[in-house]
Amino acid sequence: MSVKTTLSFTERHHGFLLAKVRDGIFATQSAVVAAAVEQMIQDEAEREVALSALADEIRERVHTPRSDYVDQERAFASARARIGASRKQ
């Protein structure tokens, strides 16, 4: 379902929209804006996944003796995997 709305843009932003349509990358200015909003939605979802994974890792590390600490690559591997999995959805 589409909803009609009125938006205002700076000249720079409007020029960018027009160029993307002129270059055939998008069919309409609305399609450019919709793609940008979809990207923002995806970015926000990925940020939430990353923050959740980081919080989980911190909670786990609170109870880990220093002698058992792992390097950062191993520590954040699960967070990277969760982000990668969320991008495939």
PDB file of N, CA and C in Angstrom:
ATOM      1  N   MET A   1       0.839  -1.174   0.000  1.00  0.00           N
ATOM      2  CA  MET A   1       0.000   0.000   0.000  1.00  0.00           C
ATOM      3  C   MET A   1       0.890   1.247   0.000  1.00  0.00           C
ATOM      4  N   SER A   2       0.602   2.149  -0.865  1.00  0.00           N
ATOM      5  CA  SER A   2       1.345   3.404  -0.940  1.00  0.00           C
ATOM      6  C   SER A   2       0.593   4.498  -0.201  1.00  0.00           C
ATOM      7  N   VAL A   3       1.355   5.381   0.404  1.00  0.00           N
ATOM      8  CA  VAL A   3       0.781   6.530   1.093  1.00  0.00           C
ATOM      9  C   VAL A   3       1.373   7.773   0.457  1.00  0.00           C
ATOM     10  N   LYS A   4       0.535   8.700   0.092  1.00  0.00           N
ATOM     11  CA  LYS A   4       1.010   9.933  -0.526  1.00  0.00           C
ATOM     12  C   LYS A   4       1.387  10.916   0.567  1.00  0.00           C
ATOM     13  N   THR A   5       2.552  11.539   0.392  1.00  0.00           N
ATOM     14  CA  THR A   5       3.032  12.510   1.365  1.00  0.00           C
ATOM     15  C   THR A   5       3.793  13.602   0.637  1.00  0.00           C
ATOM     16  N   THR A   6       4.048  14.669   1.325  1.00  0.00           N
ATOM     17  CA  THR A   6       4.827  15.773   0.760  1.00  0.00           C
ATOM     18  C   THR A   6       6.137  15.863   1.534  1.00  0.00           C
ATOM     19  N   LEU A   7       7.230  15.929   0.805  1.00  0.00           N
ATOM     20  CA  LEU A   7       8.552  16.028   1.419  1.00  0.00           C
ATOM     21  C   LEU A   7       9.272  17.243   0.858  1.00  0.00           C
ATOM     22  N   SER A   8      10.138  17.816   1.661  1.00  0.00           N
ATOM     23  CA  SER A   8      10.975  18.933   1.220  1.00  0.00           C
ATOM     24  C   SER A   8      12.428  18.495   1.283  1.00  0.00           C
ATOM     25  N   PHE A   9      13.201  18.907   0.277  1.00  0.00           N
ATOM     26  CA  PHE A   9      14.604  18.530   0.204  1.00  0.00           C
ATOM     27  C   PHE A   9      15.464  19.758  -0.026  1.00  0.00           C
ATOM     28  N   THR A  10      16.711  19.662   0.372  1.00  0.00           N
ATOM     29  CA  THR A  10      17.663  20.709   0.003  1.00  0.00           C
ATOM     30  C   THR A  10      17.912  20.574  -1.497  1.00  0.00           C
ATOM     31  N   GLU A  11      18.486  21.585  -2.096  1.00  0.00           N
ATOM     32  CA  GLU A  11      18.802  21.517  -3.521  1.00  0.00           C
ATOM     33  C   GLU A  11      19.758  20.367  -3.804  1.00  0.00           C
ATOM     34  N   ARG A  12      20.701  20.163  -2.900  1.00  0.00           N
ATOM     35  CA  ARG A  12      21.668  19.071  -3.063  1.00  0.00           C
ATOM     36  C   ARG A  12      20.950  17.715  -3.104  1.00  0.00           C
ATOM     37  N   HIS A  13      20.062  17.492  -2.145  1.00  0.00           N
ATOM     38  CA  HIS A  13      19.343  16.218  -2.083  1.00  0.00           C
ATOM     39  C   HIS A  13      18.422  16.041  -3.294  1.00  0.00           C
ATOM     40  N   HIS A  14      17.758  17.122  -3.674  1.00  0.00           N
ATOM     41  CA  HIS A  14      16.865  17.036  -4.829  1.00  0.00           C
ATOM     42  C   HIS A  14      17.657  16.729  -6.096  1.00  0.00           C
ATOM     43  N   GLY A  15      18.808  17.364  -6.240  1.00  0.00           N
ATOM     44  CA  GLY A  15      19.665  17.088  -7.398  1.00  0.00           C
ATOM     45  C   GLY A  15      20.110  15.631  -7.432  1.00  0.00           C
ATOM     46  N   PHE A  16      20.411  15.096  -6.272  1.00  0.00           N
ATOM     47  CA  PHE A  16      20.806  13.693  -6.186  1.00  0.00           C
ATOM     48  C   PHE A  16      19.657  12.797  -6.635  1.00  0.00           C
ATOM     49  N   LEU A  17      18.451  13.064  -6.143  1.00  0.00           N
ATOM     50  CA  LEU A  17      17.274  12.278  -6.548  1.00  0.00           C
ATOM     51  C   LEU A  17      17.081  12.340  -8.058  1.00  0.00           C
ATOM     52  N   LEU A  18      17.133  13.539  -8.600  1.00  0.00           N
ATOM     53  CA  LEU A  18      16.936  13.708 -10.045  1.00  0.00           C
ATOM     54  C   LEU A  18      17.996  12.955 -10.844  1.00  0.00           C
ATOM     55  N   ALA A  19      19.243  13.004 -10.387  1.00  0.00           N
ATOM     56  CA  ALA A  19      20.330  12.328 -11.095  1.00  0.00           C
ATOM     57  C   ALA A  19      20.120  10.810 -11.097  1.00  0.00           C
ATOM     58  N   LYS A  20      19.680  10.255  -9.979  1.00  0.00           N
ATOM     59  CA  LYS A  20      19.463   8.805  -9.907  1.00  0.00           C
ATOM     60  C   LYS A  20      18.347   8.373 -10.854  1.00  0.00           C
ATOM     61  N   VAL A  21      17.329   9.188 -10.986  1.00  0.00           N
ATOM     62  CA  VAL A  21      16.244   8.887 -11.934  1.00  0.00           C
ATOM     63  C   VAL A  21      16.734   9.095 -13.360  1.00  0.00           C
ATOM     64  N   ARG A  22      17.415  10.195 -13.610  1.00  0.00           N
ATOM     65  CA  ARG A  22      17.940  10.498 -14.952  1.00  0.00           C
ATOM     66  C   ARG A  22      18.893   9.409 -15.433  1.00  0.00           C
ATOM     67  N   ASP A  23      19.719   8.888 -14.520  1.00  0.00           N
ATOM     68  CA  ASP A  23      20.691   7.851 -14.874  1.00  0.00           C
ATOM     69  C   ASP A  23      20.058   6.469 -14.991  1.00  0.00           C
ATOM     70  N   GLY A  24      18.766   6.383 -14.711  1.00  0.00           N
ATOM     71  CA  GLY A  24      18.063   5.107 -14.856  1.00  0.00           C
ATOM     72  C   GLY A  24      18.280   4.135 -13.713  1.00  0.00           C
ATOM     73  N   ILE A  25      18.860   4.611 -12.622  1.00  0.00           N
ATOM     74  CA  ILE A  25      19.098   3.740 -11.472  1.00  0.00           C
ATOM     75  C   ILE A  25      17.790   3.462 -10.752  1.00  0.00           C
ATOM     76  N   PHE A  26      16.920   4.465 -10.712  1.00  0.00           N
ATOM     77  CA  PHE A  26      15.588   4.324 -10.118  1.00  0.00           C
ATOM     78  C   PHE A  26      14.564   4.865 -11.106  1.00  0.00           C
ATOM     79  N   ALA A  27      13.348   4.346 -11.029  1.00  0.00           N
ATOM     80  CA  ALA A  27      12.299   4.769 -11.950  1.00  0.00           C
ATOM     81  C   ALA A  27      11.717   6.124 -11.571  1.00  0.00           C
ATOM     82  N   THR A  28      11.650   6.393 -10.279  1.00  0.00           N
ATOM     83  CA  THR A  28      11.047   7.641  -9.804  1.00  0.00           C
ATOM     84  C   THR A  28      11.808   8.170  -8.599  1.00  0.00           C
ATOM     85  N   GLN A  29      11.566   9.434  -8.295  1.00  0.00           N
ATOM     86  CA  GLN A  29      12.148  10.014  -7.090  1.00  0.00           C
ATOM     87  C   GLN A  29      11.627   9.300  -5.851  1.00  0.00           C
ATOM     88  N   SER A  30      10.370   8.894  -5.874  1.00  0.00           N
ATOM     89  CA  SER A  30       9.796   8.163  -4.754  1.00  0.00           C
ATOM     90  C   SER A  30      10.534   6.851  -4.522  1.00  0.00           C
ATOM     91  N   ALA A  31      10.940   6.206  -5.606  1.00  0.00           N
ATOM     92  CA  ALA A  31      11.674   4.943  -5.478  1.00  0.00           C
ATOM     93  C   ALA A  31      13.039   5.168  -4.830  1.00  0.00           C
ATOM     94  N   VAL A  32      13.679   6.303  -5.123  1.00  0.00           N
ATOM     95  CA  VAL A  32      14.961   6.628  -4.505  1.00  0.00           C
ATOM     96  C   VAL A  32      14.775   6.812  -3.000  1.00  0.00           C
ATOM     97  N   VAL A  33      13.767   7.573  -2.629  1.00  0.00           N
ATOM     98  CA  VAL A  33      13.499   7.824  -1.209  1.00  0.00           C
ATOM     99  C   VAL A  33      13.136   6.521  -0.507  1.00  0.00           C
ATOM    100  N   ALA A  34      12.310   5.696  -1.141  1.00  0.00           N
ATOM    101  CA  ALA A  34      11.924   4.415  -0.542  1.00  0.00           C
ATOM    102  C   ALA A  34      13.149   3.531  -0.318  1.00  0.00           C
ATOM    103  N   ALA A  35      14.066   3.509  -1.277  1.00  0.00           N
ATOM    104  CA  ALA A  35      15.288   2.709  -1.122  1.00  0.00           C
ATOM    105  C   ALA A  35      16.132   3.237   0.037  1.00  0.00           C
ATOM    106  N   ALA A  36      16.207   4.541   0.175  1.00  0.00           N
ATOM    107  CA  ALA A  36      16.973   5.138   1.273  1.00  0.00           C
ATOM    108  C   ALA A  36      16.344   4.786   2.622  1.00  0.00           C
ATOM    109  N   VAL A  37      15.023   4.846   2.701  1.00  0.00           N
ATOM    110  CA  VAL A  37      14.336   4.499   3.947  1.00  0.00           C
ATOM    111  C   VAL A  37      14.530   3.023   4.262  1.00  0.00           C
ATOM    112  N   GLU A  38      14.442   2.159   3.251  1.00  0.00           N
ATOM    113  CA  GLU A  38      14.679   0.725   3.465  1.00  0.00           C
ATOM    114  C   GLU A  38      16.088   0.479   3.983  1.00  0.00           C
ATOM    115  N   GLN A  39      17.070   1.212   3.439  1.00  0.00           N
ATOM    116  CA  GLN A  39      18.451   1.063   3.913  1.00  0.00           C
ATOM    117  C   GLN A  39      18.567   1.485   5.368  1.00  0.00           C
ATOM    118  N   MET A  40      17.885   2.559   5.728  1.00  0.00           N
ATOM    119  CA  MET A  40      17.903   3.010   7.119  1.00  0.00           C
ATOM    120  C   MET A  40      17.272   1.970   8.043  1.00  0.00           C
ATOM    121  N   ILE A  41      16.181   1.361   7.596  1.00  0.00           N
ATOM    122  CA  ILE A  41      15.526   0.313   8.386  1.00  0.00           C
ATOM    123  C   ILE A  41      16.481  -0.851   8.584  1.00  0.00           C
ATOM    124  N   GLN A  42      17.155  -1.259   7.520  1.00  0.00           N
ATOM    125  CA  GLN A  42      18.111  -2.369   7.607  1.00  0.00           C
ATOM    126  C   GLN A  42      19.286  -2.002   8.517  1.00  0.00           C
ATOM    127  N   ASP A  43      19.800  -0.799   8.373  1.00  0.00           N
ATOM    128  CA  ASP A  43      20.916  -0.346   9.216  1.00  0.00           C
ATOM    129  C   ASP A  43      20.525  -0.374  10.688  1.00  0.00           C
ATOM    130  N   GLU A  44      19.315   0.095  10.985  1.00  0.00           N
ATOM    131  CA  GLU A  44      18.853   0.120  12.372  1.00  0.00           C
ATOM    132  C   GLU A  44      18.693  -1.295  12.925  1.00  0.00           C
ATOM    133  N   ALA A  45      18.150  -2.198  12.112  1.00  0.00           N
ATOM    134  CA  ALA A  45      17.994  -3.591  12.550  1.00  0.00           C
ATOM    135  C   ALA A  45      19.359  -4.223  12.809  1.00  0.00           C
ATOM    136  N   GLU A  46      20.315  -3.975  11.930  1.00  0.00           N
ATOM    137  CA  GLU A  46      21.669  -4.515  12.106  1.00  0.00           C
ATOM    138  C   GLU A  46      22.333  -3.936  13.351  1.00  0.00           C
ATOM    139  N   ARG A  47      22.094  -2.656  13.594  1.00  0.00           N
ATOM    140  CA  ARG A  47      22.663  -2.017  14.787  1.00  0.00           C
ATOM    141  C   ARG A  47      22.083  -2.666  16.046  1.00  0.00           C
ATOM    142  N   GLU A  48      20.782  -2.948  16.038  1.00  0.00           N
ATOM    143  CA  GLU A  48      20.148  -3.600  17.185  1.00  0.00           C
ATOM    144  C   GLU A  48      20.726  -4.997  17.399  1.00  0.00           C
ATOM    145  N   VAL A  49      20.930  -5.736  16.312  1.00  0.00           N
ATOM    146  CA  VAL A  49      21.523  -7.074  16.417  1.00  0.00           C
ATOM    147  C   VAL A  49      22.928  -6.969  16.997  1.00  0.00           C
ATOM    148  N   ALA A  50      23.705  -6.014  16.502  1.00  0.00           N
ATOM    149  CA  ALA A  50      25.079  -5.848  16.971  1.00  0.00           C
ATOM    150  C   ALA A  50      25.108  -5.466  18.446  1.00  0.00           C
ATOM    151  N   LEU A  51      24.257  -4.537  18.851  1.00  0.00           N
ATOM    152  CA  LEU A  51      24.227  -4.122  20.254  1.00  0.00           C
ATOM    153  C   LEU A  51      23.776  -5.255  21.166  1.00  0.00           C
ATOM    154  N   SER A  52      22.805  -6.028  20.714  1.00  0.00           N
ATOM    155  CA  SER A  52      22.341  -7.175  21.498  1.00  0.00           C
ATOM    156  C   SER A  52      23.447  -8.210  21.652  1.00  0.00           C
ATOM    157  N   ALA A  53      24.134  -8.494  20.564  1.00  0.00           N
ATOM    158  CA  ALA A  53      25.232  -9.459  20.609  1.00  0.00           C
ATOM    159  C   ALA A  53      26.351  -8.960  21.517  1.00  0.00           C
ATOM    160  N   LEU A  54      26.643  -7.675  21.447  1.00  0.00           N
ATOM    161  CA  LEU A  54      27.678  -7.094  22.290  1.00  0.00           C
ATOM    162  C   LEU A  54      27.266  -7.167  23.762  1.00  0.00           C
ATOM    163  N   ALA A  55      26.023  -6.858  24.066  1.00  0.00           N
ATOM    164  CA  ALA A  55      25.535  -6.940  25.446  1.00  0.00           C
ATOM    165  C   ALA A  55      25.614  -8.371  25.961  1.00  0.00           C
ATOM    166  N   ASP A  56      25.251  -9.341  25.111  1.00  0.00           N
ATOM    167  CA  ASP A  56      25.354 -10.751  25.499  1.00  0.00           C
ATOM    168  C   ASP A  56      26.800 -11.119  25.816  1.00  0.00           C
ATOM    169  N   GLU A  57      27.707 -10.663  24.972  1.00  0.00           N
ATOM    170  CA  GLU A  57      29.124 -10.967  25.166  1.00  0.00           C
ATOM    171  C   GLU A  57      29.642 -10.346  26.468  1.00  0.00           C
ATOM    172  N   ILE A  58      29.246  -9.132  26.737  1.00  0.00           N
ATOM    173  CA  ILE A  58      29.671  -8.461  27.971  1.00  0.00           C
ATOM    174  C   ILE A  58      29.133  -9.201  29.193  1.00  0.00           C
ATOM    175  N   ARG A  59      27.847  -9.594  29.146  1.00  0.00           N
ATOM    176  CA  ARG A  59      27.270 -10.347  30.261  1.00  0.00           C
ATOM    177  C   ARG A  59      28.050 -11.639  30.518  1.00  0.00           C
ATOM    178  N   GLU A  60      28.413 -12.338  29.448  1.00  0.00           N
ATOM    179  CA  GLU A  60      29.170 -13.571  29.595  1.00  0.00           C
ATOM    180  C   GLU A  60      30.559 -13.305  30.170  1.00  0.00           C
ATOM    181  N   ARG A  61      31.194 -12.236  29.725  1.00  0.00           N
ATOM    182  CA  ARG A  61      32.565 -11.947  30.172  1.00  0.00           C
ATOM    183  C   ARG A  61      32.629 -11.519  31.633  1.00  0.00           C
ATOM    184  N   VAL A  62      31.557 -10.986  32.165  1.00  0.00           N
ATOM    185  CA  VAL A  62      31.549 -10.567  33.566  1.00  0.00           C
ATOM    186  C   VAL A  62      31.903 -11.746  34.478  1.00  0.00           C
ATOM    187  N   HIS A  63      31.495 -12.924  34.075  1.00  0.00           N
ATOM    188  CA  HIS A  63      31.720 -14.120  34.888  1.00  0.00           C
ATOM    189  C   HIS A  63      32.932 -14.939  34.433  1.00  0.00           C
ATOM    190  N   THR A  64      33.720 -14.405  33.538  1.00  0.00           N
ATOM    191  CA  THR A  64      34.880 -15.122  32.999  1.00  0.00           C
ATOM    192  C   THR A  64      36.154 -14.680  33.726  1.00  0.00           C
ATOM    193  N   PRO A  65      36.917 -15.627  34.262  1.00  0.00           N
ATOM    194  CA  PRO A  65      38.187 -15.249  34.881  1.00  0.00           C
ATOM    195  C   PRO A  65      39.132 -14.681  33.819  1.00  0.00           C
ATOM    196  N   ARG A  66      39.936 -13.724  34.178  1.00  0.00           N
ATOM    197  CA  ARG A  66      40.868 -13.102  33.233  1.00  0.00           C
ATOM    198  C   ARG A  66      41.721 -14.126  32.500  1.00  0.00           C
ATOM    199  N   SER A  67      42.084 -15.191  33.179  1.00  0.00           N
ATOM    200  CA  SER A  67      42.933 -16.206  32.546  1.00  0.00           C
ATOM    201  C   SER A  67      42.237 -16.889  31.372  1.00  0.00           C
ATOM    202  N   ASP A  68      40.919 -16.803  31.318  1.00  0.00           N
ATOM    203  CA  ASP A  68      40.158 -17.432  30.228  1.00  0.00           C
ATOM    204  C   ASP A  68      39.767 -16.461  29.121  1.00  0.00           C
ATOM    205  N   TYR A  69      40.197 -15.218  29.214  1.00  0.00           N
ATOM    206  CA  TYR A  69      39.838 -14.245  28.178  1.00  0.00           C
ATOM    207  C   TYR A  69      40.355 -14.711  26.821  1.00  0.00           C
ATOM    208  N   VAL A  70      39.613 -14.369  25.774  1.00  0.00           N
ATOM    209  CA  VAL A  70      40.004 -14.716  24.408  1.00  0.00           C
ATOM    210  C   VAL A  70      40.312 -13.426  23.640  1.00  0.00           C
ATOM    211  N   ASP A  71      40.973 -13.571  22.527  1.00  0.00           N
ATOM    212  CA  ASP A  71      41.287 -12.388  21.735  1.00  0.00           C
ATOM    213  C   ASP A  71      40.010 -11.828  21.109  1.00  0.00           C
ATOM    214  N   GLN A  72      40.084 -10.593  20.632  1.00  0.00           N
ATOM    215  CA  GLN A  72      38.888  -9.912  20.129  1.00  0.00           C
ATOM    216  C   GLN A  72      38.279 -10.580  18.899  1.00  0.00           C
ATOM    217  N   GLU A  73      39.062 -11.188  18.048  1.00  0.00           N
ATOM    218  CA  GLU A  73      38.505 -11.863  16.875  1.00  0.00           C
ATOM    219  C   GLU A  73      37.554 -12.974  17.291  1.00  0.00           C
ATOM    220  N   ARG A  74      37.967 -13.790  18.231  1.00  0.00           N
ATOM    221  CA  ARG A  74      37.096 -14.863  18.720  1.00  0.00           C
ATOM    222  C   ARG A  74      35.929 -14.302  19.511  1.00  0.00           C
ATOM    223  N   ALA A  75      36.184 -13.245  20.269  1.00  0.00           N
ATOM    224  CA  ALA A  75      35.139 -12.679  21.125  1.00  0.00           C
ATOM    225  C   ALA A  75      33.963 -12.140  20.308  1.00  0.00           C
ATOM    226  N   PHE A  76      34.252 -11.535  19.174  1.00  0.00           N
ATOM    227  CA  PHE A  76      33.189 -10.910  18.396  1.00  0.00           C
ATOM    228  C   PHE A  76      32.766 -11.726  17.184  1.00  0.00           C
ATOM    229  N   ALA A  77      33.249 -12.922  17.056  1.00  0.00           N
ATOM    230  CA  ALA A  77      32.868 -13.778  15.933  1.00  0.00           C
ATOM    231  C   ALA A  77      31.367 -14.053  15.932  1.00  0.00           C
ATOM    232  N   SER A  78      30.792 -14.298  17.112  1.00  0.00           N
ATOM    233  CA  SER A  78      29.352 -14.575  17.162  1.00  0.00           C
ATOM    234  C   SER A  78      28.547 -13.340  16.776  1.00  0.00           C
ATOM    235  N   ALA A  79      29.011 -12.147  17.170  1.00  0.00           N
ATOM    236  CA  ALA A  79      28.311 -10.920  16.791  1.00  0.00           C
ATOM    237  C   ALA A  79      28.354 -10.732  15.275  1.00  0.00           C
ATOM    238  N   ARG A  80      29.522 -10.961  14.686  1.00  0.00           N
ATOM    239  CA  ARG A  80      29.641 -10.846  13.225  1.00  0.00           C
ATOM    240  C   ARG A  80      28.753 -11.872  12.521  1.00  0.00           C
ATOM    241  N   ALA A  81      28.682 -13.062  13.061  1.00  0.00           N
ATOM    242  CA  ALA A  81      27.835 -14.110  12.465  1.00  0.00           C
ATOM    243  C   ALA A  81      26.369 -13.712  12.537  1.00  0.00           C
ATOM    244  N   ARG A  82      25.944 -13.143  13.675  1.00  0.00           N
ATOM    245  CA  ARG A  82      24.548 -12.725  13.815  1.00  0.00           C
ATOM    246  C   ARG A  82      24.213 -11.592  12.855  1.00  0.00           C
ATOM    247  N   ILE A  83      25.131 -10.659  12.680  1.00  0.00           N
ATOM    248  CA  ILE A  83      24.908  -9.571  11.738  1.00  0.00           C
ATOM    249  C   ILE A  83      24.815 -10.116  10.325  1.00  0.00           C
ATOM    250  N   GLY A  84      25.729 -11.023   9.976  1.00  0.00           N
ATOM    251  CA  GLY A  84      25.700 -11.632   8.645  1.00  0.00           C
ATOM    252  C   GLY A  84      24.407 -12.383   8.396  1.00  0.00           C
ATOM    253  N   ALA A  85      23.941 -13.114   9.394  1.00  0.00           N
ATOM    254  CA  ALA A  85      22.683 -13.858   9.260  1.00  0.00           C
ATOM    255  C   ALA A  85      21.505 -12.909   9.093  1.00  0.00           C
ATOM    256  N   SER A  86      21.523 -11.784   9.800  1.00  0.00           N
ATOM    257  CA  SER A  86      20.409 -10.840   9.690  1.00  0.00           C
ATOM    258  C   SER A  86      20.367 -10.173   8.319  1.00  0.00           C
ATOM    259  N   ARG A  87      21.517 -10.028   7.669  1.00  0.00           N
ATOM    260  CA  ARG A  87      21.562  -9.426   6.328  1.00  0.00           C
ATOM    261  C   ARG A  87      20.981 -10.366   5.277  1.00  0.00           C
ATOM    262  N   LYS A  88      20.996 -11.650   5.551  1.00  0.00           N
ATOM    263  CA  LYS A  88      20.494 -12.626   4.577  1.00  0.00           C
ATOM    264  C   LYS A  88      18.985 -12.780   4.634  1.00  0.00           C
ATOM    265  N   GLN A  89      18.372 -12.195   5.657  1.00  0.00           N
ATOM    266  CA  GLN A  89      16.913 -12.331   5.823  1.00  0.00           C
ATOM    267  C   GLN A  89      16.153 -11.436   4.897  1.00  0.00           C
TER     268      GLN A  89
END
